[in-house]
Amino acid sequence: MGNSSGSGNASADDAAKESQKRRLQMELLILDSDLRKLTNEKTMLDAEIRKLRQDGERIRLNLDSKQGRYDLVAREISAKEEENRYLKKKLNAL
C-alpha cells in the first residue's frame, strides 16, 4: 500500500505540475500578445511624433517667412503714407 500511495502522490504532483505549466504558458502567450500590441503602438506613435515635429518645423519656417514679408510690407506702407502726406502738402502749397 505504501507503494501505491506513493505513486498516487507522484501522479498528483505530475498533474499539478502539468496544470501549472499550462497556466504559465497561457500567461506567457497573453503577455507576448500584449507586448506585441504595445510595441506596435509605440512604433505608430513614434512615426506620428516624427511627422508632427517635421510639420512643426515646416510651419515655423513658413511663419518666419510670412513674418519677414509682413515686416517688409509694413515698412513699405509707412514709406508710401509718408510720401502721400508729402505730396498732399506740396499740392496744397500750390
PDB file of N, CA and C in Angstrom:
ATOM      1  N   MET A   1       0.814  -1.183   0.000  1.00  0.00           N
ATOM      2  CA  MET A   1       0.000   0.000   0.000  1.00  0.00           C
ATOM      3  C   MET A   1       0.861   1.252   0.000  1.00  0.00           C
ATOM      4  N   GLY A   2       1.981   1.193   0.650  1.00  0.00           N
ATOM      5  CA  GLY A   2       2.887   2.323   0.679  1.00  0.00           C
ATOM      6  C   GLY A   2       3.316   2.715  -0.720  1.00  0.00           C
ATOM      7  N   ASN A   3       3.528   1.711  -1.570  1.00  0.00           N
ATOM      8  CA  ASN A   3       3.927   1.960  -2.944  1.00  0.00           C
ATOM      9  C   ASN A   3       2.816   2.613  -3.743  1.00  0.00           C
ATOM     10  N   SER A   4       1.610   2.130  -3.563  1.00  0.00           N
ATOM     11  CA  SER A   4       0.509   2.674  -4.348  1.00  0.00           C
ATOM     12  C   SER A   4       0.180   4.097  -3.935  1.00  0.00           C
ATOM     13  N   SER A   5       0.265   4.414  -2.642  1.00  0.00           N
ATOM     14  CA  SER A   5       0.001   5.786  -2.222  1.00  0.00           C
ATOM     15  C   SER A   5       1.139   6.695  -2.666  1.00  0.00           C
ATOM     16  N   GLY A   6       2.345   6.195  -2.729  1.00  0.00           N
ATOM     17  CA  GLY A   6       3.488   6.973  -3.208  1.00  0.00           C
ATOM     18  C   GLY A   6       3.340   7.279  -4.678  1.00  0.00           C
ATOM     19  N   SER A   7       2.916   6.302  -5.452  1.00  0.00           N
ATOM     20  CA  SER A   7       2.749   6.562  -6.880  1.00  0.00           C
ATOM     21  C   SER A   7       1.542   7.454  -7.114  1.00  0.00           C
ATOM     22  N   GLY A   8       0.568   7.418  -6.228  1.00  0.00           N
ATOM     23  CA  GLY A   8      -0.583   8.309  -6.318  1.00  0.00           C
ATOM     24  C   GLY A   8      -0.173   9.751  -6.091  1.00  0.00           C
ATOM     25  N   ASN A   9       0.708   9.943  -5.132  1.00  0.00           N
ATOM     26  CA  ASN A   9       1.219  11.291  -4.875  1.00  0.00           C
ATOM     27  C   ASN A   9       2.047  11.797  -6.047  1.00  0.00           C
ATOM     28  N   ALA A  10       2.828  10.909  -6.651  1.00  0.00           N
ATOM     29  CA  ALA A  10       3.635  11.272  -7.816  1.00  0.00           C
ATOM     30  C   ALA A  10       2.723  11.657  -8.968  1.00  0.00           C
ATOM     31  N   SER A  11       1.648  10.929  -9.149  1.00  0.00           N
ATOM     32  CA  SER A  11       0.689  11.240 -10.203  1.00  0.00           C
ATOM     33  C   SER A  11       0.022  12.585  -9.944  1.00  0.00           C
ATOM     34  N   ALA A  12      -0.348  12.816  -8.716  1.00  0.00           N
ATOM     35  CA  ALA A  12      -0.982  14.083  -8.357  1.00  0.00           C
ATOM     36  C   ALA A  12       0.004  15.229  -8.538  1.00  0.00           C
ATOM     37  N   ASP A  13       1.267  14.996  -8.154  1.00  0.00           N
ATOM     38  CA  ASP A  13       2.295  16.027  -8.334  1.00  0.00           C
ATOM     39  C   ASP A  13       2.515  16.312  -9.813  1.00  0.00           C
ATOM     40  N   ASP A  14       2.571  15.263 -10.627  1.00  0.00           N
ATOM     41  CA  ASP A  14       2.747  15.441 -12.065  1.00  0.00           C
ATOM     42  C   ASP A  14       1.581  16.210 -12.669  1.00  0.00           C
ATOM     43  N   ALA A  15       0.372  15.879 -12.253  1.00  0.00           N
ATOM     44  CA  ALA A  15      -0.818  16.568 -12.760  1.00  0.00           C
ATOM     45  C   ALA A  15      -0.801  18.033 -12.335  1.00  0.00           C
ATOM     46  N   ALA A  16      -0.403  18.301 -11.101  1.00  0.00           N
ATOM     47  CA  ALA A  16      -0.343  19.680 -10.612  1.00  0.00           C
ATOM     48  C   ALA A  16       0.723  20.469 -11.376  1.00  0.00           C
ATOM     49  N   LYS A  17       1.872  19.820 -11.614  1.00  0.00           N
ATOM     50  CA  LYS A  17       2.941  20.486 -12.365  1.00  0.00           C
ATOM     51  C   LYS A  17       2.496  20.763 -13.794  1.00  0.00           C
ATOM     52  N   GLU A  18       1.812  19.818 -14.401  1.00  0.00           N
ATOM     53  CA  GLU A  18       1.330  19.986 -15.776  1.00  0.00           C
ATOM     54  C   GLU A  18       0.302  21.117 -15.843  1.00  0.00           C
ATOM     55  N   SER A  19      -0.573  21.179 -14.854  1.00  0.00           N
ATOM     56  CA  SER A  19      -1.577  22.243 -14.792  1.00  0.00           C
ATOM     57  C   SER A  19      -0.891  23.600 -14.625  1.00  0.00           C
ATOM     58  N   GLN A  20       0.089  23.659 -13.745  1.00  0.00           N
ATOM     59  CA  GLN A  20       0.827  24.905 -13.521  1.00  0.00           C
ATOM     60  C   GLN A  20       1.584  25.306 -14.789  1.00  0.00           C
ATOM     61  N   LYS A  21       2.139  24.320 -15.474  1.00  0.00           N
ATOM     62  CA  LYS A  21       2.877  24.577 -16.707  1.00  0.00           C
ATOM     63  C   LYS A  21       1.951  25.168 -17.768  1.00  0.00           C
ATOM     64  N   ARG A  22       0.743  24.580 -17.924  1.00  0.00           N
ATOM     65  CA  ARG A  22      -0.225  25.097 -18.900  1.00  0.00           C
ATOM     66  C   ARG A  22      -0.648  26.523 -18.548  1.00  0.00           C
ATOM     67  N   ARG A  23      -0.860  26.786 -17.253  1.00  0.00           N
ATOM     68  CA  ARG A  23      -1.253  28.121 -16.803  1.00  0.00           C
ATOM     69  C   ARG A  23      -0.162  29.150 -17.114  1.00  0.00           C
ATOM     70  N   LEU A  24       1.083  28.769 -16.848  1.00  0.00           N
ATOM     71  CA  LEU A  24       2.199  29.679 -17.127  1.00  0.00           C
ATOM     72  C   LEU A  24       2.373  29.908 -18.627  1.00  0.00           C
ATOM     73  N   GLN A  25       2.187  28.851 -19.427  1.00  0.00           N
ATOM     74  CA  GLN A  25       2.279  29.004 -20.878  1.00  0.00           C
ATOM     75  C   GLN A  25       1.194  29.955 -21.388  1.00  0.00           C
ATOM     76  N   MET A  26      -0.012  29.845 -20.822  1.00  0.00           N
ATOM     77  CA  MET A  26      -1.110  30.731 -21.214  1.00  0.00           C
ATOM     78  C   MET A  26      -0.783  32.177 -20.832  1.00  0.00           C
ATOM     79  N   GLU A  27      -0.244  32.377 -19.635  1.00  0.00           N
ATOM     80  CA  GLU A  27       0.151  33.722 -19.214  1.00  0.00           C
ATOM     81  C   GLU A  27       1.215  34.295 -20.132  1.00  0.00           C
ATOM     82  N   LEU A  28       2.179  33.442 -20.523  1.00  0.00           N
ATOM     83  CA  LEU A  28       3.228  33.897 -21.440  1.00  0.00           C
ATOM     84  C   LEU A  28       2.647  34.309 -22.790  1.00  0.00           C
ATOM     85  N   LEU A  29       1.687  33.545 -23.282  1.00  0.00           N
ATOM     86  CA  LEU A  29       1.053  33.891 -24.560  1.00  0.00           C
ATOM     87  C   LEU A  29       0.333  35.236 -24.465  1.00  0.00           C
ATOM     88  N   ILE A  30      -0.385  35.446 -23.371  1.00  0.00           N
ATOM     89  CA  ILE A  30      -1.099  36.707 -23.185  1.00  0.00           C
ATOM     90  C   ILE A  30      -0.119  37.871 -23.072  1.00  0.00           C
ATOM     91  N   LEU A  31       0.941  37.683 -22.289  1.00  0.00           N
ATOM     92  CA  LEU A  31       1.954  38.738 -22.144  1.00  0.00           C
ATOM     93  C   LEU A  31       2.633  39.046 -23.474  1.00  0.00           C
ATOM     94  N   ASP A  32       2.914  38.007 -24.240  1.00  0.00           N
ATOM     95  CA  ASP A  32       3.547  38.195 -25.548  1.00  0.00           C
ATOM     96  C   ASP A  32       2.627  38.972 -26.475  1.00  0.00           C
ATOM     97  N   SER A  33       1.349  38.657 -26.445  1.00  0.00           N
ATOM     98  CA  SER A  33       0.374  39.373 -27.267  1.00  0.00           C
ATOM     99  C   SER A  33       0.291  40.834 -26.846  1.00  0.00           C
ATOM    100  N   ASP A  34       0.222  41.081 -25.540  1.00  0.00           N
ATOM    101  CA  ASP A  34       0.186  42.454 -25.033  1.00  0.00           C
ATOM    102  C   ASP A  34       1.443  43.220 -25.434  1.00  0.00           C
ATOM    103  N   LEU A  35       2.584  42.554 -25.353  1.00  0.00           N
ATOM    104  CA  LEU A  35       3.853  43.180 -25.717  1.00  0.00           C
ATOM    105  C   LEU A  35       3.865  43.569 -27.194  1.00  0.00           C
ATOM    106  N   ARG A  36       3.379  42.671 -28.056  1.00  0.00           N
ATOM    107  CA  ARG A  36       3.314  42.978 -29.494  1.00  0.00           C
ATOM    108  C   ARG A  36       2.405  44.179 -29.746  1.00  0.00           C
ATOM    109  N   LYS A  37       1.254  44.213 -29.086  1.00  0.00           N
ATOM    110  CA  LYS A  37       0.332  45.343 -29.261  1.00  0.00           C
ATOM    111  C   LYS A  37       0.993  46.649 -28.833  1.00  0.00           C
ATOM    112  N   LEU A  38       1.644  46.633 -27.677  1.00  0.00           N
ATOM    113  CA  LEU A  38       2.294  47.845 -27.181  1.00  0.00           C
ATOM    114  C   LEU A  38       3.461  48.272 -28.065  1.00  0.00           C
ATOM    115  N   THR A  39       4.206  47.307 -28.570  1.00  0.00           N
ATOM    116  CA  THR A  39       5.322  47.613 -29.468  1.00  0.00           C
ATOM    117  C   THR A  39       4.804  48.244 -30.757  1.00  0.00           C
ATOM    118  N   ASN A  40       3.711  47.709 -31.290  1.00  0.00           N
ATOM    119  CA  ASN A  40       3.108  48.288 -32.497  1.00  0.00           C
ATOM    120  C   ASN A  40       2.610  49.704 -32.234  1.00  0.00           C
ATOM    121  N   GLU A  41       1.986  49.913 -31.080  1.00  0.00           N
ATOM    122  CA  GLU A  41       1.500  51.248 -30.732  1.00  0.00           C
ATOM    123  C   GLU A  41       2.667  52.223 -30.582  1.00  0.00           C
ATOM    124  N   LYS A  42       3.753  51.770 -29.952  1.00  0.00           N
ATOM    125  CA  LYS A  42       4.928  52.622 -29.786  1.00  0.00           C
ATOM    126  C   LYS A  42       5.503  53.025 -31.141  1.00  0.00           C
ATOM    127  N   THR A  43       5.571  52.077 -32.058  1.00  0.00           N
ATOM    128  CA  THR A  43       6.087  52.353 -33.397  1.00  0.00           C
ATOM    129  C   THR A  43       5.203  53.376 -34.105  1.00  0.00           C
ATOM    130  N   MET A  44       3.889  53.194 -33.995  1.00  0.00           N
ATOM    131  CA  MET A  44       2.947  54.115 -34.618  1.00  0.00           C
ATOM    132  C   MET A  44       3.071  55.514 -34.006  1.00  0.00           C
ATOM    133  N   LEU A  45       3.156  55.589 -32.684  1.00  0.00           N
ATOM    134  CA  LEU A  45       3.290  56.882 -32.012  1.00  0.00           C
ATOM    135  C   LEU A  45       4.604  57.560 -32.380  1.00  0.00           C
ATOM    136  N   ASP A  46       5.662  56.792 -32.500  1.00  0.00           N
ATOM    137  CA  ASP A  46       6.960  57.340 -32.889  1.00  0.00           C
ATOM    138  C   ASP A  46       6.862  57.984 -34.272  1.00  0.00           C
ATOM    139  N   ALA A  47       6.207  57.299 -35.204  1.00  0.00           N
ATOM    140  CA  ALA A  47       6.044  57.839 -36.559  1.00  0.00           C
ATOM    141  C   ALA A  47       5.195  59.111 -36.534  1.00  0.00           C
ATOM    142  N   GLU A  48       4.134  59.120 -35.750  1.00  0.00           N
ATOM    143  CA  GLU A  48       3.271  60.301 -35.658  1.00  0.00           C
ATOM    144  C   GLU A  48       4.020  61.479 -35.043  1.00  0.00           C
ATOM    145  N   ILE A  49       4.797  61.215 -34.000  1.00  0.00           N
ATOM    146  CA  ILE A  49       5.579  62.279 -33.355  1.00  0.00           C
ATOM    147  C   ILE A  49       6.594  62.858 -34.339  1.00  0.00           C
ATOM    148  N   ARG A  50       7.266  61.977 -35.072  1.00  0.00           N
ATOM    149  CA  ARG A  50       8.260  62.428 -36.058  1.00  0.00           C
ATOM    150  C   ARG A  50       7.590  63.318 -37.110  1.00  0.00           C
ATOM    151  N   LYS A  51       6.410  62.895 -37.593  1.00  0.00           N
ATOM    152  CA  LYS A  51       5.688  63.677 -38.602  1.00  0.00           C
ATOM    153  C   LYS A  51       5.261  65.028 -38.034  1.00  0.00           C
ATOM    154  N   LEU A  52       4.761  65.038 -36.802  1.00  0.00           N
ATOM    155  CA  LEU A  52       4.335  66.298 -36.187  1.00  0.00           C
ATOM    156  C   LEU A  52       5.512  67.246 -35.989  1.00  0.00           C
ATOM    157  N   ARG A  53       6.657  66.692 -35.621  1.00  0.00           N
ATOM    158  CA  ARG A  53       7.854  67.543 -35.465  1.00  0.00           C
ATOM    159  C   ARG A  53       8.254  68.143 -36.809  1.00  0.00           C
ATOM    160  N   GLN A  54       8.187  67.331 -37.872  1.00  0.00           N
ATOM    161  CA  GLN A  54       8.510  67.839 -39.206  1.00  0.00           C
ATOM    162  C   GLN A  54       7.508  68.905 -39.621  1.00  0.00           C
ATOM    163  N   ASP A  55       6.230  68.663 -39.354  1.00  0.00           N
ATOM    164  CA  ASP A  55       5.199  69.656 -39.660  1.00  0.00           C
ATOM    165  C   ASP A  55       5.444  70.933 -38.873  1.00  0.00           C
ATOM    166  N   GLY A  56       5.817  70.777 -37.597  1.00  0.00           N
ATOM    167  CA  GLY A  56       6.103  71.942 -36.767  1.00  0.00           C
ATOM    168  C   GLY A  56       7.259  72.756 -37.324  1.00  0.00           C
ATOM    169  N   GLU A  57       8.292  72.081 -37.787  1.00  0.00           N
ATOM    170  CA  GLU A  57       9.445  72.776 -38.366  1.00  0.00           C
ATOM    171  C   GLU A  57       9.033  73.494 -39.653  1.00  0.00           C
ATOM    172  N   ARG A  58       8.236  72.823 -40.480  1.00  0.00           N
ATOM    173  CA  ARG A  58       7.761  73.442 -41.721  1.00  0.00           C
ATOM    174  C   ARG A  58       6.908  74.671 -41.402  1.00  0.00           C
ATOM    175  N   ILE A  59       6.047  74.560 -40.415  1.00  0.00           N
ATOM    176  CA  ILE A  59       5.193  75.684 -40.012  1.00  0.00           C
ATOM    177  C   ILE A  59       6.039  76.832 -39.476  1.00  0.00           C
ATOM    178  N   ARG A  60       7.051  76.503 -38.667  1.00  0.00           N
ATOM    179  CA  ARG A  60       7.922  77.545 -38.123  1.00  0.00           C
ATOM    180  C   ARG A  60       8.640  78.300 -39.244  1.00  0.00           C
ATOM    181  N   LEU A  61       9.155  77.550 -40.229  1.00  0.00           N
ATOM    182  CA  LEU A  61       9.840  78.200 -41.351  1.00  0.00           C
ATOM    183  C   LEU A  61       8.877  79.067 -42.149  1.00  0.00           C
ATOM    184  N   ASN A  62       7.666  78.562 -42.361  1.00  0.00           N
ATOM    185  CA  ASN A  62       6.647  79.322 -43.086  1.00  0.00           C
ATOM    186  C   ASN A  62       6.272  80.581 -42.308  1.00  0.00           C
ATOM    187  N   LEU A  63       6.133  80.460 -41.004  1.00  0.00           N
ATOM    188  CA  LEU A  63       5.816  81.605 -40.155  1.00  0.00           C
ATOM    189  C   LEU A  63       6.923  82.650 -40.229  1.00  0.00           C
ATOM    190  N   ASP A  64       8.170  82.205 -40.147  1.00  0.00           N
ATOM    191  CA  ASP A  64       9.295  83.145 -40.234  1.00  0.00           C
ATOM    192  C   ASP A  64       9.274  83.888 -41.564  1.00  0.00           C
ATOM    193  N   SER A  65       8.998  83.157 -42.637  1.00  0.00           N
ATOM    194  CA  SER A  65       8.943  83.761 -43.964  1.00  0.00           C
ATOM    195  C   SER A  65       7.821  84.796 -44.045  1.00  0.00           C
ATOM    196  N   LYS A  66       6.645  84.430 -43.549  1.00  0.00           N
ATOM    197  CA  LYS A  66       5.494  85.344 -43.579  1.00  0.00           C
ATOM    198  C   LYS A  66       5.751  86.556 -42.691  1.00  0.00           C
ATOM    199  N   GLN A  67       6.385  86.351 -41.543  1.00  0.00           N
ATOM    200  CA  GLN A  67       6.680  87.464 -40.635  1.00  0.00           C
ATOM    201  C   GLN A  67       7.645  88.442 -41.304  1.00  0.00           C
ATOM    202  N   GLY A  68       8.641  87.897 -42.009  1.00  0.00           N
ATOM    203  CA  GLY A  68       9.583  88.753 -42.729  1.00  0.00           C
ATOM    204  C   GLY A  68       8.879  89.561 -43.807  1.00  0.00           C
ATOM    205  N   ARG A  69       8.000  88.911 -44.546  1.00  0.00           N
ATOM    206  CA  ARG A  69       7.246  89.609 -45.603  1.00  0.00           C
ATOM    207  C   ARG A  69       6.324  90.663 -44.982  1.00  0.00           C
ATOM    208  N   TYR A  70       5.685  90.326 -43.856  1.00  0.00           N
ATOM    209  CA  TYR A  70       4.797  91.265 -43.166  1.00  0.00           C
ATOM    210  C   TYR A  70       5.563  92.524 -42.756  1.00  0.00           C
ATOM    211  N   ASP A  71       6.732  92.332 -42.183  1.00  0.00           N
ATOM    212  CA  ASP A  71       7.549  93.474 -41.748  1.00  0.00           C
ATOM    213  C   ASP A  71       7.933  94.351 -42.935  1.00  0.00           C
ATOM    214  N   LEU A  72       8.299  93.732 -44.047  1.00  0.00           N
ATOM    215  CA  LEU A  72       8.663  94.479 -45.249  1.00  0.00           C
ATOM    216  C   LEU A  72       7.473  95.278 -45.772  1.00  0.00           C
ATOM    217  N   VAL A  73       6.307  94.645 -45.839  1.00  0.00           N
ATOM    218  CA  VAL A  73       5.106  95.326 -46.324  1.00  0.00           C
ATOM    219  C   VAL A  73       4.733  96.475 -45.389  1.00  0.00           C
ATOM    220  N   ALA A  74       4.845  96.258 -44.088  1.00  0.00           N
ATOM    221  CA  ALA A  74       4.528  97.321 -43.126  1.00  0.00           C
ATOM    222  C   ALA A  74       5.458  98.527 -43.328  1.00  0.00           C
ATOM    223  N   ARG A  75       6.742  98.285 -43.578  1.00  0.00           N
ATOM    224  CA  ARG A  75       7.681  99.391 -43.833  1.00  0.00           C
ATOM    225  C   ARG A  75       7.328 100.111 -45.132  1.00  0.00           C
ATOM    226  N   GLU A  76       6.961  99.340 -46.163  1.00  0.00           N
ATOM    227  CA  GLU A  76       6.585  99.942 -47.441  1.00  0.00           C
ATOM    228  C   GLU A  76       5.322 100.796 -47.282  1.00  0.00           C
ATOM    229  N   ILE A  77       4.374 100.331 -46.480  1.00  0.00           N
ATOM    230  CA  ILE A  77       3.148 101.101 -46.234  1.00  0.00           C
ATOM    231  C   ILE A  77       3.499 102.425 -45.558  1.00  0.00           C
ATOM    232  N   SER A  78       4.356 102.348 -44.558  1.00  0.00           N
ATOM    233  CA  SER A  78       4.770 103.574 -43.861  1.00  0.00           C
ATOM    234  C   SER A  78       5.432 104.552 -44.822  1.00  0.00           C
ATOM    235  N   ALA A  79       6.312 104.045 -45.679  1.00  0.00           N
ATOM    236  CA  ALA A  79       7.005 104.899 -46.639  1.00  0.00           C
ATOM    237  C   ALA A  79       6.018 105.516 -47.619  1.00  0.00           C
ATOM    238  N   LYS A  80       5.063 104.739 -48.090  1.00  0.00           N
ATOM    239  CA  LYS A  80       4.071 105.259 -49.048  1.00  0.00           C
ATOM    240  C   LYS A  80       3.164 106.289 -48.377  1.00  0.00           C
ATOM    241  N   GLU A  81       2.796 106.046 -47.117  1.00  0.00           N
ATOM    242  CA  GLU A  81       1.963 107.012 -46.405  1.00  0.00           C
ATOM    243  C   GLU A  81       2.718 108.332 -46.215  1.00  0.00           C
ATOM    244  N   GLU A  82       3.994 108.226 -45.884  1.00  0.00           N
ATOM    245  CA  GLU A  82       4.818 109.434 -45.717  1.00  0.00           C
ATOM    246  C   GLU A  82       4.931 110.179 -47.043  1.00  0.00           C
ATOM    247  N   GLU A  83       5.148 109.450 -48.124  1.00  0.00           N
ATOM    248  CA  GLU A  83       5.239 110.063 -49.450  1.00  0.00           C
ATOM    249  C   GLU A  83       3.901 110.713 -49.818  1.00  0.00           C
ATOM    250  N   ASN A  84       2.807 110.044 -49.484  1.00  0.00           N
ATOM    251  CA  ASN A  84       1.469 110.558 -49.758  1.00  0.00           C
ATOM    252  C   ASN A  84       1.256 111.879 -49.016  1.00  0.00           C
ATOM    253  N   ARG A  85       1.611 111.939 -47.726  1.00  0.00           N
ATOM    254  CA  ARG A  85       1.479 113.180 -46.948  1.00  0.00           C
ATOM    255  C   ARG A  85       2.336 114.305 -47.552  1.00  0.00           C
ATOM    256  N   TYR A  86       3.543 113.982 -47.965  1.00  0.00           N
ATOM    257  CA  TYR A  86       4.449 114.965 -48.557  1.00  0.00           C
ATOM    258  C   TYR A  86       3.851 115.561 -49.839  1.00  0.00           C
ATOM    259  N   LEU A  87       3.306 114.643 -50.700  1.00  0.00           N
ATOM    260  CA  LEU A  87       2.744 115.124 -51.961  1.00  0.00           C
ATOM    261  C   LEU A  87       1.485 115.956 -51.735  1.00  0.00           C
ATOM    262  N   LYS A  88       0.670 115.605 -50.739  1.00  0.00           N
ATOM    263  CA  LYS A  88      -0.527 116.385 -50.436  1.00  0.00           C
ATOM    264  C   LYS A  88      -0.146 117.785 -49.939  1.00  0.00           C
ATOM    265  N   LYS A  89       0.894 117.876 -49.114  1.00  0.00           N
ATOM    266  CA  LYS A  89       1.360 119.181 -48.634  1.00  0.00           C
ATOM    267  C   LYS A  89       1.856 120.014 -49.798  1.00  0.00           C
ATOM    268  N   LYS A  90       2.591 119.361 -50.693  1.00  0.00           N
ATOM    269  CA  LYS A  90       3.131 120.056 -51.854  1.00  0.00           C
ATOM    270  C   LYS A  90       2.001 120.569 -52.748  1.00  0.00           C
ATOM    271  N   LEU A  91       0.976 119.719 -52.919  1.00  0.00           N
ATOM    272  CA  LEU A  91      -0.178 120.084 -53.748  1.00  0.00           C
ATOM    273  C   LEU A  91      -0.925 121.259 -53.103  1.00  0.00           C
ATOM    274  N   ASN A  92      -1.124 121.198 -51.791  1.00  0.00           N
ATOM    275  CA  ASN A  92      -1.827 122.278 -51.092  1.00  0.00           C
ATOM    276  C   ASN A  92      -1.048 123.590 -51.132  1.00  0.00           C
ATOM    277  N   ALA A  93       0.257 123.472 -51.218  1.00  0.00           N
ATOM    278  CA  ALA A  93       1.091 124.668 -51.267  1.00  0.00           C
ATOM    279  C   ALA A  93       0.954 125.384 -52.610  1.00  0.00           C
ATOM    280  N   LEU A  94       0.576 124.652 -53.632  1.00  0.00           N
ATOM    281  CA  LEU A  94       0.420 125.264 -54.952  1.00  0.00           C
ATOM    282  C   LEU A  94      -0.901 125.935 -54.988  1.00  0.00           C
TER     283      LEU A  94
END
